[in-house]
Amino acid sequence: MTSDMIEIWIGILGLAYLAAAGLYFEMLRARKHVRARHGHARPYSDRIRRSR
């Protein structure tokens, strides 16, 4: 393989890595959003609810 081909493959693999990382973090963010929407997360902290 020539150095040009190696650079092209490194670029392709780098872009694929960035795309996979972006999808992974987007899935994590979407999962947190769904959990909060279904009431699993507390809307207020204990300190705010128990204040006098």
N, C-alpha and C. Protein backbone atom coordinates (compact mmCIF):
# COMPACT_ATOMS: atom_id res chain seq x y z
N MET A 1 0.84 -1.19 0.00
CA MET A 1 0.00 0.00 0.00
C MET A 1 0.88 1.25 0.00
N THR A 2 0.43 2.22 -0.72
CA THR A 2 1.18 3.46 -0.74
C THR A 2 0.77 4.33 0.44
N SER A 3 1.54 5.35 0.70
CA SER A 3 1.23 6.22 1.83
C SER A 3 -0.08 6.97 1.61
N ASP A 4 -0.43 7.24 0.35
CA ASP A 4 -1.70 7.91 0.06
C ASP A 4 -2.88 7.03 0.47
N MET A 5 -2.79 5.75 0.17
CA MET A 5 -3.88 4.83 0.53
C MET A 5 -4.00 4.69 2.05
N ILE A 6 -2.86 4.68 2.73
CA ILE A 6 -2.88 4.58 4.19
C ILE A 6 -3.54 5.83 4.77
N GLU A 7 -3.23 6.99 4.26
CA GLU A 7 -3.85 8.23 4.74
C GLU A 7 -5.35 8.22 4.49
N ILE A 8 -5.77 7.73 3.35
CA ILE A 8 -7.21 7.66 3.05
C ILE A 8 -7.91 6.73 4.03
N TRP A 9 -7.33 5.55 4.28
CA TRP A 9 -7.95 4.61 5.22
C TRP A 9 -7.98 5.16 6.64
N ILE A 10 -6.92 5.86 7.03
CA ILE A 10 -6.91 6.48 8.37
C ILE A 10 -8.02 7.52 8.48
N GLY A 11 -8.21 8.29 7.43
CA GLY A 11 -9.28 9.29 7.43
C GLY A 11 -10.65 8.65 7.50
N ILE A 12 -10.86 7.59 6.73
CA ILE A 12 -12.16 6.90 6.75
C ILE A 12 -12.43 6.29 8.12
N LEU A 13 -11.45 5.63 8.68
CA LEU A 13 -11.63 5.01 10.00
C LEU A 13 -11.81 6.07 11.08
N GLY A 14 -11.13 7.19 10.96
CA GLY A 14 -11.30 8.27 11.93
C GLY A 14 -12.70 8.84 11.88
N LEU A 15 -13.23 9.05 10.68
CA LEU A 15 -14.60 9.55 10.55
C LEU A 15 -15.62 8.54 11.07
N ALA A 16 -15.38 7.26 10.82
CA ALA A 16 -16.29 6.23 11.32
C ALA A 16 -16.26 6.20 12.85
N TYR A 17 -15.08 6.38 13.44
CA TYR A 17 -14.97 6.42 14.89
C TYR A 17 -15.74 7.60 15.47
N LEU A 18 -15.60 8.77 14.86
CA LEU A 18 -16.31 9.95 15.34
C LEU A 18 -17.83 9.78 15.20
N ALA A 19 -18.26 9.17 14.11
CA ALA A 19 -19.70 8.95 13.92
C ALA A 19 -20.23 7.98 14.96
N ALA A 20 -19.49 6.93 15.24
CA ALA A 20 -19.94 5.95 16.25
C ALA A 20 -19.98 6.58 17.63
N ALA A 21 -18.99 7.40 17.97
CA ALA A 21 -18.99 8.06 19.27
C ALA A 21 -20.17 9.04 19.38
N GLY A 22 -20.46 9.75 18.30
CA GLY A 22 -21.59 10.66 18.31
C GLY A 22 -22.91 9.94 18.50
N LEU A 23 -23.08 8.82 17.82
CA LEU A 23 -24.31 8.03 17.99
C LEU A 23 -24.43 7.48 19.40
N TYR A 24 -23.32 7.03 19.97
CA TYR A 24 -23.34 6.48 21.32
C TYR A 24 -23.78 7.53 22.33
N PHE A 25 -23.20 8.73 22.25
CA PHE A 25 -23.55 9.76 23.21
C PHE A 25 -24.96 10.29 22.98
N GLU A 26 -25.41 10.29 21.74
CA GLU A 26 -26.78 10.70 21.45
C GLU A 26 -27.77 9.69 22.04
N MET A 27 -27.43 8.40 21.98
CA MET A 27 -28.30 7.38 22.57
C MET A 27 -28.33 7.52 24.08
N LEU A 28 -27.21 7.84 24.71
CA LEU A 28 -27.18 8.04 26.15
C LEU A 28 -28.05 9.23 26.54
N ARG A 29 -27.94 10.32 25.78
CA ARG A 29 -28.73 11.51 26.08
C ARG A 29 -30.22 11.23 25.89
N ALA A 30 -30.59 10.49 24.86
CA ALA A 30 -31.99 10.17 24.61
C ALA A 30 -32.53 9.26 25.71
N ARG A 31 -31.71 8.34 26.21
CA ARG A 31 -32.17 7.44 27.27
C ARG A 31 -32.44 8.22 28.56
N LYS A 32 -31.59 9.19 28.88
CA LYS A 32 -31.81 10.01 30.07
C LYS A 32 -33.07 10.84 29.93
N HIS A 33 -33.32 11.35 28.73
CA HIS A 33 -34.51 12.17 28.49
C HIS A 33 -35.78 11.34 28.66
N VAL A 34 -35.77 10.12 28.18
CA VAL A 34 -36.95 9.25 28.30
C VAL A 34 -37.20 8.90 29.75
N ARG A 35 -36.13 8.61 30.51
CA ARG A 35 -36.31 8.27 31.92
C ARG A 35 -36.93 9.42 32.68
N ALA A 36 -36.47 10.63 32.43
CA ALA A 36 -37.00 11.78 33.16
C ALA A 36 -38.45 12.03 32.78
N ARG A 37 -38.82 11.75 31.55
CA ARG A 37 -40.18 12.01 31.11
C ARG A 37 -41.17 11.03 31.75
N HIS A 38 -40.73 9.83 32.08
CA HIS A 38 -41.61 8.84 32.67
C HIS A 38 -41.68 8.92 34.19
N GLY A 39 -41.07 9.91 34.79
CA GLY A 39 -41.20 10.13 36.21
C GLY A 39 -40.21 9.39 37.08
N HIS A 40 -39.16 8.84 36.51
CA HIS A 40 -38.17 8.14 37.33
C HIS A 40 -37.23 9.11 38.03
N ALA A 41 -37.09 10.29 37.49
CA ALA A 41 -36.23 11.29 38.12
C ALA A 41 -37.10 12.22 38.96
N ARG A 42 -36.57 12.64 40.10
CA ARG A 42 -37.34 13.54 40.96
C ARG A 42 -37.38 14.94 40.35
N PRO A 43 -38.53 15.58 40.33
CA PRO A 43 -38.59 16.92 39.74
C PRO A 43 -37.88 17.96 40.59
N TYR A 44 -37.87 17.81 41.91
CA TYR A 44 -37.22 18.76 42.80
C TYR A 44 -36.33 18.01 43.78
N SER A 45 -35.30 18.66 44.25
CA SER A 45 -34.45 18.03 45.23
C SER A 45 -35.14 18.01 46.59
N ASP A 46 -34.66 17.20 47.51
CA ASP A 46 -35.25 17.09 48.84
C ASP A 46 -35.16 18.42 49.59
N ARG A 47 -34.10 19.16 49.41
CA ARG A 47 -33.92 20.42 50.12
C ARG A 47 -35.02 21.43 49.71
N ILE A 48 -35.35 21.48 48.45
CA ILE A 48 -36.37 22.43 48.02
C ILE A 48 -37.75 22.01 48.52
N ARG A 49 -38.03 20.72 48.48
CA ARG A 49 -39.38 20.28 48.90
C ARG A 49 -39.57 20.42 50.41
N ARG A 50 -38.51 20.30 51.20
CA ARG A 50 -38.65 20.32 52.66
C ARG A 50 -38.35 21.70 53.25
N SER A 51 -38.14 22.69 52.42
CA SER A 51 -37.84 24.02 52.98
C SER A 51 -39.08 24.61 53.66
N ARG A 52 -38.85 25.47 54.67
CA ARG A 52 -39.97 26.03 55.41
C ARG A 52 -40.16 27.48 55.10
